[in-house]
Amino acid sequence: MAVLVALGAFLMTLAGGWTAHRVTDRRHLVLGLAGGLMLGVVGLELLPESLEAAGTEVYGVPAALLLFVAGFLLAHLVERLLAHRQAAHGAGETDGRTPEVGLTAAAAMVGHSAMDGVAIGAAFQVGGGMGAAVAVAVIAHDFADGFNTYTLTRVYGNARRRALMMLFADAAAPVAGAASTLFFTIPEPLLGGYLGLFGGALLYLAAAEILPEAHHEHPARSTLLCTIAGVLFIWLVVGVAH
């Protein structure tokens, strides 16, 4: 089931790359909705479930919450390191194009997408409702992943063929990650910790990347309504599952 759901992430990633190739004026609405879905999954499903599964405390703080914060900081650190490397390589370029930087950033997106697939598989090990909620969030933000993978590769001067290669690698990564969880069962405390870590990274992507991008050029009320609709939809999914 996890692998079949990951195929949805595969298709959504390709849709994001196709949109990057043919940018439309409705992209901000899709990103606004994706941000709301991700926020809803983190707050309404991932955190409660990880707290229940992880159980243990470290110096008076639940281990799942510590890993949640660690996931947020890890995503922030990776994003800052990539931004620093881009600035360092582009500082002396007249057109800001350094192909290797674009490939490095795209490769990081591929690794992140593989972990998304692992998260889908891990969530289905908890239960169908949890798996469905995580899958919705992953599929939603994979549109942005595909868009960014193609854009990052192209904007730094790589050929279209190379950009498409990185896009297909990013699309296939969640399927490979989900398939890997068919060969092992994650112990419940470790599973809770991983979901907490993933939740922190997901929240960072929503708050620092997806939502600011959605409102950057189109700070419209409709974008905000799409975000609220995304949160309400996850609330509905969680309510039906439980």
C-alpha atoms as a PDB file:
ATOM      1  CA  MET A   1       0.000   0.000   0.000  1.00  0.00           C
ATOM      2  CA  ALA A   2       2.803   2.415   0.908  1.00  0.00           C
ATOM      3  CA  VAL A   3       4.470   1.879  -2.482  1.00  0.00           C
ATOM      4  CA  LEU A   4       1.201   2.450  -4.344  1.00  0.00           C
ATOM      5  CA  VAL A   5       0.654   5.689  -2.423  1.00  0.00           C
ATOM      6  CA  ALA A   6       4.244   6.748  -3.158  1.00  0.00           C
ATOM      7  CA  LEU A   7       3.386   6.525  -6.854  1.00  0.00           C
ATOM      8  CA  GLY A   8       1.126   9.516  -6.222  1.00  0.00           C
ATOM      9  CA  ALA A   9       4.179  11.409  -4.992  1.00  0.00           C
ATOM     10  CA  PHE A  10       5.985  10.323  -8.173  1.00  0.00           C
ATOM     11  CA  LEU A  11       3.247  11.807 -10.360  1.00  0.00           C
ATOM     12  CA  MET A  12       2.947  15.001  -8.299  1.00  0.00           C
ATOM     13  CA  THR A  13       6.693  15.598  -8.508  1.00  0.00           C
ATOM     14  CA  LEU A  14       6.540  15.285 -12.291  1.00  0.00           C
ATOM     15  CA  ALA A  15       3.571  17.688 -12.300  1.00  0.00           C
ATOM     16  CA  GLY A  16       5.651  20.206 -10.359  1.00  0.00           C
ATOM     17  CA  GLY A  17       8.517  19.903 -12.838  1.00  0.00           C
ATOM     18  CA  TRP A  18       6.126  20.275 -15.777  1.00  0.00           C
ATOM     19  CA  THR A  19       4.697  23.427 -14.151  1.00  0.00           C
ATOM     20  CA  ALA A  20       8.219  24.803 -13.737  1.00  0.00           C
ATOM     21  CA  HIS A  21       8.694  24.286 -17.456  1.00  0.00           C
ATOM     22  CA  ARG A  22       5.346  25.929 -18.224  1.00  0.00           C
ATOM     23  CA  VAL A  23       4.719  28.285 -15.298  1.00  0.00           C
ATOM     24  CA  THR A  24       1.060  29.201 -14.779  1.00  0.00           C
ATOM     25  CA  ASP A  25      -0.496  31.984 -12.743  1.00  0.00           C
ATOM     26  CA  ARG A  26      -2.221  29.510 -10.388  1.00  0.00           C
ATOM     27  CA  ARG A  27       0.924  28.079  -8.831  1.00  0.00           C
ATOM     28  CA  HIS A  28       0.510  30.234  -5.696  1.00  0.00           C
ATOM     29  CA  LEU A  29      -2.846  28.606  -4.954  1.00  0.00           C
ATOM     30  CA  VAL A  30      -1.346  25.105  -5.188  1.00  0.00           C
ATOM     31  CA  LEU A  31       1.528  26.097  -2.900  1.00  0.00           C
ATOM     32  CA  GLY A  32      -0.874  27.725  -0.430  1.00  0.00           C
ATOM     33  CA  LEU A  33      -2.921  24.529  -0.279  1.00  0.00           C
ATOM     34  CA  ALA A  34       0.237  22.403   0.066  1.00  0.00           C
ATOM     35  CA  GLY A  35       1.402  24.541   2.998  1.00  0.00           C
ATOM     36  CA  GLY A  36      -1.934  24.086   4.757  1.00  0.00           C
ATOM     37  CA  LEU A  37      -1.891  20.320   4.230  1.00  0.00           C
ATOM     38  CA  MET A  38       1.628  20.077   5.628  1.00  0.00           C
ATOM     39  CA  LEU A  39       0.784  22.232   8.654  1.00  0.00           C
ATOM     40  CA  GLY A  40      -2.327  20.158   9.355  1.00  0.00           C
ATOM     41  CA  VAL A  41      -0.455  16.858   9.187  1.00  0.00           C
ATOM     42  CA  VAL A  42       2.293  18.057  11.531  1.00  0.00           C
ATOM     43  CA  GLY A  43       0.023  19.584  14.167  1.00  0.00           C
ATOM     44  CA  LEU A  44      -2.952  17.229  14.034  1.00  0.00           C
ATOM     45  CA  GLU A  45      -1.414  13.844  13.260  1.00  0.00           C
ATOM     46  CA  LEU A  46       2.394  13.561  13.336  1.00  0.00           C
ATOM     47  CA  LEU A  47       3.051  15.251  16.685  1.00  0.00           C
ATOM     48  CA  PRO A  48       0.284  13.490  18.673  1.00  0.00           C
ATOM     49  CA  GLU A  49       1.196  10.106  17.180  1.00  0.00           C
ATOM     50  CA  SER A  50       4.947  10.536  17.706  1.00  0.00           C
ATOM     51  CA  LEU A  51       4.414  11.603  21.330  1.00  0.00           C
ATOM     52  CA  GLU A  52       2.332   8.496  21.966  1.00  0.00           C
ATOM     53  CA  ALA A  53       4.722   6.106  20.204  1.00  0.00           C
ATOM     54  CA  ALA A  54       8.057   7.455  21.474  1.00  0.00           C
ATOM     55  CA  GLY A  55       6.960   7.565  25.094  1.00  0.00           C
ATOM     56  CA  THR A  56      10.278   8.262  26.847  1.00  0.00           C
ATOM     57  CA  GLU A  57      11.485  11.609  28.202  1.00  0.00           C
ATOM     58  CA  VAL A  58      14.953  13.159  28.160  1.00  0.00           C
ATOM     59  CA  TYR A  59      15.572  15.670  30.960  1.00  0.00           C
ATOM     60  CA  GLY A  60      11.852  16.190  31.426  1.00  0.00           C
ATOM     61  CA  VAL A  61      11.063  16.697  27.725  1.00  0.00           C
ATOM     62  CA  PRO A  62       9.408  14.001  25.568  1.00  0.00           C
ATOM     63  CA  ALA A  63      11.956  12.498  23.176  1.00  0.00           C
ATOM     64  CA  ALA A  64       9.575  13.010  20.254  1.00  0.00           C
ATOM     65  CA  LEU A  65       9.474  16.769  20.906  1.00  0.00           C
ATOM     66  CA  LEU A  66      13.266  16.968  21.097  1.00  0.00           C
ATOM     67  CA  LEU A  67      13.514  15.176  17.764  1.00  0.00           C
ATOM     68  CA  PHE A  68      10.784  17.424  16.352  1.00  0.00           C
ATOM     69  CA  VAL A  69      12.915  20.478  17.176  1.00  0.00           C
ATOM     70  CA  ALA A  70      16.003  18.674  15.854  1.00  0.00           C
ATOM     71  CA  GLY A  71      14.207  17.990  12.562  1.00  0.00           C
ATOM     72  CA  PHE A  72      13.282  21.655  12.207  1.00  0.00           C
ATOM     73  CA  LEU A  73      16.852  22.758  12.933  1.00  0.00           C
ATOM     74  CA  LEU A  74      18.311  20.114  10.606  1.00  0.00           C
ATOM     75  CA  ALA A  75      16.150  21.301   7.710  1.00  0.00           C
ATOM     76  CA  HIS A  76      17.121  24.890   8.494  1.00  0.00           C
ATOM     77  CA  LEU A  77      20.821  23.977   8.603  1.00  0.00           C
ATOM     78  CA  VAL A  78      20.699  22.157   5.267  1.00  0.00           C
ATOM     79  CA  GLU A  79      18.849  25.062   3.645  1.00  0.00           C
ATOM     80  CA  ARG A  80      21.346  27.610   5.022  1.00  0.00           C
ATOM     81  CA  LEU A  81      24.358  25.560   3.916  1.00  0.00           C
ATOM     82  CA  LEU A  82      22.965  25.294   0.392  1.00  0.00           C
ATOM     83  CA  ALA A  83      22.196  29.017   0.333  1.00  0.00           C
ATOM     84  CA  HIS A  84      25.735  29.813   1.532  1.00  0.00           C
ATOM     85  CA  ARG A  85      27.267  27.567  -1.111  1.00  0.00           C
ATOM     86  CA  GLN A  86      25.128  29.142  -3.826  1.00  0.00           C
ATOM     87  CA  ALA A  87      26.186  32.630  -2.705  1.00  0.00           C
ATOM     88  CA  ALA A  88      29.854  31.635  -2.569  1.00  0.00           C
ATOM     89  CA  HIS A  89      29.825  30.153  -6.058  1.00  0.00           C
ATOM     90  CA  GLY A  90      27.662  32.826  -7.580  1.00  0.00           C
ATOM     91  CA  ALA A  91      29.390  35.848  -6.064  1.00  0.00           C
ATOM     92  CA  GLY A  92      31.969  36.064  -8.800  1.00  0.00           C
ATOM     93  CA  GLU A  93      29.692  35.100 -11.660  1.00  0.00           C
ATOM     94  CA  THR A  94      28.252  37.781 -13.861  1.00  0.00           C
ATOM     95  CA  ASP A  95      25.100  35.792 -14.494  1.00  0.00           C
ATOM     96  CA  GLY A  96      25.031  33.867 -11.186  1.00  0.00           C
ATOM     97  CA  ARG A  97      25.238  30.506 -12.939  1.00  0.00           C
ATOM     98  CA  THR A  98      27.351  27.673 -11.588  1.00  0.00           C
ATOM     99  CA  PRO A  99      26.016  24.317 -12.859  1.00  0.00           C
ATOM    100  CA  GLU A 100      27.569  22.293 -10.006  1.00  0.00           C
ATOM    101  CA  VAL A 101      25.628  24.301  -7.405  1.00  0.00           C
ATOM    102  CA  GLY A 102      22.361  23.578  -9.180  1.00  0.00           C
ATOM    103  CA  LEU A 103      23.147  19.859  -9.303  1.00  0.00           C
ATOM    104  CA  THR A 104      24.105  19.819  -5.609  1.00  0.00           C
ATOM    105  CA  ALA A 105      20.855  21.502  -4.618  1.00  0.00           C
ATOM    106  CA  ALA A 106      18.839  19.142  -6.831  1.00  0.00           C
ATOM    107  CA  ALA A 107      20.650  16.115  -5.356  1.00  0.00           C
ATOM    108  CA  ALA A 108      19.702  17.320  -1.879  1.00  0.00           C
ATOM    109  CA  MET A 109      16.075  17.446  -3.022  1.00  0.00           C
ATOM    110  CA  VAL A 110      16.360  13.829  -4.232  1.00  0.00           C
ATOM    111  CA  GLY A 111      17.694  12.698  -0.840  1.00  0.00           C
ATOM    112  CA  HIS A 112      14.911  14.572   0.918  1.00  0.00           C
ATOM    113  CA  SER A 113      12.309  12.902  -1.329  1.00  0.00           C
ATOM    114  CA  ALA A 114      13.710   9.450  -0.513  1.00  0.00           C
ATOM    115  CA  MET A 115      13.185  10.179   3.194  1.00  0.00           C
ATOM    116  CA  ASP A 116       9.629  11.267   2.361  1.00  0.00           C
ATOM    117  CA  GLY A 117       9.053   7.773   1.002  1.00  0.00           C
ATOM    118  CA  VAL A 118      10.488   6.212   4.164  1.00  0.00           C
ATOM    119  CA  ALA A 119       8.103   8.399   6.181  1.00  0.00           C
ATOM    120  CA  ILE A 120       5.124   7.122   4.167  1.00  0.00           C
ATOM    121  CA  GLY A 121       6.164   3.511   4.773  1.00  0.00           C
ATOM    122  CA  ALA A 122       6.802   4.161   8.475  1.00  0.00           C
ATOM    123  CA  ALA A 123       3.419   5.855   8.864  1.00  0.00           C
ATOM    124  CA  PHE A 124       1.616   2.884   7.315  1.00  0.00           C
ATOM    125  CA  GLN A 125       3.354   0.674   9.866  1.00  0.00           C
ATOM    126  CA  VAL A 126       1.561   2.711  12.547  1.00  0.00           C
ATOM    127  CA  GLY A 127      -1.830   2.418  10.816  1.00  0.00           C
ATOM    128  CA  GLY A 128      -3.858   3.186   7.723  1.00  0.00           C
ATOM    129  CA  GLY A 129      -5.134   6.543   9.001  1.00  0.00           C
ATOM    130  CA  MET A 130      -1.655   7.739   9.875  1.00  0.00           C
ATOM    131  CA  GLY A 131      -0.331   6.542   6.535  1.00  0.00           C
ATOM    132  CA  ALA A 132      -3.078   8.351   4.637  1.00  0.00           C
ATOM    133  CA  ALA A 133      -2.460  11.639   6.457  1.00  0.00           C
ATOM    134  CA  VAL A 134       1.309  11.552   5.909  1.00  0.00           C
ATOM    135  CA  ALA A 135       0.805  10.520   2.282  1.00  0.00           C
ATOM    136  CA  VAL A 136      -1.461  13.529   1.664  1.00  0.00           C
ATOM    137  CA  ALA A 137       1.178  15.900   3.058  1.00  0.00           C
ATOM    138  CA  VAL A 138       4.029  14.307   1.126  1.00  0.00           C
ATOM    139  CA  ILE A 139       2.117  14.215  -2.158  1.00  0.00           C
ATOM    140  CA  ALA A 140       1.063  17.842  -1.691  1.00  0.00           C
ATOM    141  CA  HIS A 141       4.535  19.209  -1.095  1.00  0.00           C
ATOM    142  CA  ASP A 142       6.138  17.004  -3.744  1.00  0.00           C
ATOM    143  CA  PHE A 143       4.614  19.377  -6.291  1.00  0.00           C
ATOM    144  CA  ALA A 144       6.882  22.084  -4.883  1.00  0.00           C
ATOM    145  CA  ASP A 145       9.799  19.609  -4.759  1.00  0.00           C
ATOM    146  CA  GLY A 146       9.437  18.838  -8.450  1.00  0.00           C
ATOM    147  CA  PHE A 147       9.097  22.504  -9.310  1.00  0.00           C
ATOM    148  CA  ASN A 148      12.193  23.430  -7.306  1.00  0.00           C
ATOM    149  CA  THR A 149      14.312  20.502  -8.530  1.00  0.00           C
ATOM    150  CA  TYR A 150      13.762  21.395 -12.175  1.00  0.00           C
ATOM    151  CA  THR A 151      14.128  25.146 -11.531  1.00  0.00           C
ATOM    152  CA  LEU A 152      17.314  24.854  -9.451  1.00  0.00           C
ATOM    153  CA  THR A 153      18.974  22.657 -12.066  1.00  0.00           C
ATOM    154  CA  ARG A 154      18.067  24.950 -14.968  1.00  0.00           C
ATOM    155  CA  VAL A 155      18.646  28.311 -13.292  1.00  0.00           C
ATOM    156  CA  TYR A 156      22.326  27.478 -12.690  1.00  0.00           C
ATOM    157  CA  GLY A 157      22.954  26.818 -16.366  1.00  0.00           C
ATOM    158  CA  ASN A 158      22.427  23.069 -16.679  1.00  0.00           C
ATOM    159  CA  ALA A 159      20.982  21.649 -19.897  1.00  0.00           C
ATOM    160  CA  ARG A 160      17.309  20.739 -20.101  1.00  0.00           C
ATOM    161  CA  ARG A 161      18.191  17.030 -20.390  1.00  0.00           C
ATOM    162  CA  ARG A 162      20.135  17.152 -17.121  1.00  0.00           C
ATOM    163  CA  ALA A 163      17.269  19.003 -15.410  1.00  0.00           C
ATOM    164  CA  LEU A 164      14.824  16.319 -16.576  1.00  0.00           C
ATOM    165  CA  MET A 165      17.175  13.605 -15.313  1.00  0.00           C
ATOM    166  CA  MET A 166      17.246  15.173 -11.827  1.00  0.00           C
ATOM    167  CA  LEU A 167      13.462  15.631 -11.940  1.00  0.00           C
ATOM    168  CA  PHE A 168      12.870  11.939 -12.682  1.00  0.00           C
ATOM    169  CA  ALA A 169      15.349  10.956  -9.937  1.00  0.00           C
ATOM    170  CA  ASP A 170      13.447  13.172  -7.487  1.00  0.00           C
ATOM    171  CA  ALA A 171      10.130  11.644  -8.605  1.00  0.00           C
ATOM    172  CA  ALA A 172      11.389   8.057  -8.199  1.00  0.00           C
ATOM    173  CA  ALA A 173      12.999   8.660  -4.789  1.00  0.00           C
ATOM    174  CA  PRO A 174       9.777   8.465  -2.682  1.00  0.00           C
ATOM    175  CA  VAL A 175       8.832   5.159  -4.325  1.00  0.00           C
ATOM    176  CA  ALA A 176      12.261   3.719  -3.509  1.00  0.00           C
ATOM    177  CA  GLY A 177      12.050   5.026   0.057  1.00  0.00           C
ATOM    178  CA  ALA A 178       8.592   3.544   0.621  1.00  0.00           C
ATOM    179  CA  ALA A 179       9.650   0.212  -0.913  1.00  0.00           C
ATOM    180  CA  SER A 180      12.603  -0.011   1.492  1.00  0.00           C
ATOM    181  CA  THR A 181      10.224  -0.151   4.475  1.00  0.00           C
ATOM    182  CA  LEU A 182       8.725  -3.406   3.150  1.00  0.00           C
ATOM    183  CA  PHE A 183      11.886  -5.217   4.244  1.00  0.00           C
ATOM    184  CA  PHE A 184      11.967  -4.138   7.895  1.00  0.00           C
ATOM    185  CA  THR A 185       9.646  -3.155  10.733  1.00  0.00           C
ATOM    186  CA  ILE A 186      10.626  -0.108  12.764  1.00  0.00           C
ATOM    187  CA  PRO A 187      10.282  -0.579  16.565  1.00  0.00           C
ATOM    188  CA  GLU A 188       7.524   1.636  17.979  1.00  0.00           C
ATOM    189  CA  PRO A 189       9.758   3.975  20.082  1.00  0.00           C
ATOM    190  CA  LEU A 190      12.135   4.464  17.134  1.00  0.00           C
ATOM    191  CA  LEU A 191       9.150   4.959  14.833  1.00  0.00           C
ATOM    192  CA  GLY A 192       7.749   7.679  17.094  1.00  0.00           C
ATOM    193  CA  GLY A 193      11.106   9.431  17.169  1.00  0.00           C
ATOM    194  CA  TYR A 194      11.471   9.298  13.393  1.00  0.00           C
ATOM    195  CA  LEU A 195       7.981  10.698  12.860  1.00  0.00           C
ATOM    196  CA  GLY A 196       8.793  13.533  15.277  1.00  0.00           C
ATOM    197  CA  LEU A 197      12.005  14.289  13.374  1.00  0.00           C
ATOM    198  CA  PHE A 198      10.151  14.198  10.060  1.00  0.00           C
ATOM    199  CA  GLY A 199       7.414  16.447  11.479  1.00  0.00           C
ATOM    200  CA  GLY A 200       9.954  19.115  12.421  1.00  0.00           C
ATOM    201  CA  ALA A 201      11.482  19.073   8.947  1.00  0.00           C
ATOM    202  CA  LEU A 202       8.037  19.172   7.359  1.00  0.00           C
ATOM    203  CA  LEU A 203       7.029  22.171   9.469  1.00  0.00           C
ATOM    204  CA  TYR A 204      10.181  24.024   8.422  1.00  0.00           C
ATOM    205  CA  LEU A 205       9.469  23.364   4.752  1.00  0.00           C
ATOM    206  CA  ALA A 206       5.904  24.630   5.152  1.00  0.00           C
ATOM    207  CA  ALA A 207       6.724  27.726   7.228  1.00  0.00           C
ATOM    208  CA  ALA A 208      10.024  28.799   5.696  1.00  0.00           C
ATOM    209  CA  GLU A 209       9.761  27.630   2.089  1.00  0.00           C
ATOM    210  CA  ILE A 210       6.303  26.736   0.785  1.00  0.00           C
ATOM    211  CA  LEU A 211       4.087  29.429   2.362  1.00  0.00           C
ATOM    212  CA  PRO A 212       6.480  32.378   1.835  1.00  0.00           C
ATOM    213  CA  GLU A 213       6.853  31.309  -1.806  1.00  0.00           C
ATOM    214  CA  ALA A 214       3.066  31.098  -2.165  1.00  0.00           C
ATOM    215  CA  HIS A 215       2.625  34.682  -0.944  1.00  0.00           C
ATOM    216  CA  HIS A 216       5.752  36.155  -2.533  1.00  0.00           C
ATOM    217  CA  GLU A 217       4.250  37.396  -5.789  1.00  0.00           C
ATOM    218  CA  HIS A 218       0.553  36.776  -5.085  1.00  0.00           C
ATOM    219  CA  PRO A 219      -0.309  37.868  -1.507  1.00  0.00           C
ATOM    220  CA  ALA A 220      -3.971  37.211  -2.278  1.00  0.00           C
ATOM    221  CA  ARG A 221      -6.793  36.306   0.083  1.00  0.00           C
ATOM    222  CA  SER A 222      -7.469  33.251  -2.078  1.00  0.00           C
ATOM    223  CA  THR A 223      -3.992  31.875  -1.241  1.00  0.00           C
ATOM    224  CA  LEU A 224      -4.686  32.203   2.494  1.00  0.00           C
ATOM    225  CA  LEU A 225      -8.069  30.523   2.047  1.00  0.00           C
ATOM    226  CA  CYS A 226      -6.355  27.621   0.276  1.00  0.00           C
ATOM    227  CA  THR A 227      -3.990  27.234   3.241  1.00  0.00           C
ATOM    228  CA  ILE A 228      -6.881  27.186   5.713  1.00  0.00           C
ATOM    229  CA  ALA A 229      -8.719  24.702   3.480  1.00  0.00           C
ATOM    230  CA  GLY A 230      -5.641  22.432   3.559  1.00  0.00           C
ATOM    231  CA  VAL A 231      -5.603  22.397   7.373  1.00  0.00           C
ATOM    232  CA  LEU A 232      -9.355  21.744   7.559  1.00  0.00           C
ATOM    233  CA  PHE A 233      -9.043  18.884   5.062  1.00  0.00           C
ATOM    234  CA  ILE A 234      -6.400  17.159   7.214  1.00  0.00           C
ATOM    235  CA  TRP A 235      -8.634  17.655  10.267  1.00  0.00           C
ATOM    236  CA  LEU A 236     -11.385  15.871   8.336  1.00  0.00           C
ATOM    237  CA  VAL A 237      -9.035  13.037   7.325  1.00  0.00           C
ATOM    238  CA  VAL A 238      -7.845  12.587  10.928  1.00  0.00           C
ATOM    239  CA  GLY A 239     -11.414  12.672  12.239  1.00  0.00           C
ATOM    240  CA  VAL A 240     -12.597  10.021   9.779  1.00  0.00           C
ATOM    241  CA  ALA A 241      -9.564   7.802  10.452  1.00  0.00           C
ATOM    242  CA  HIS A 242     -10.126   7.876  14.207  1.00  0.00           C
END
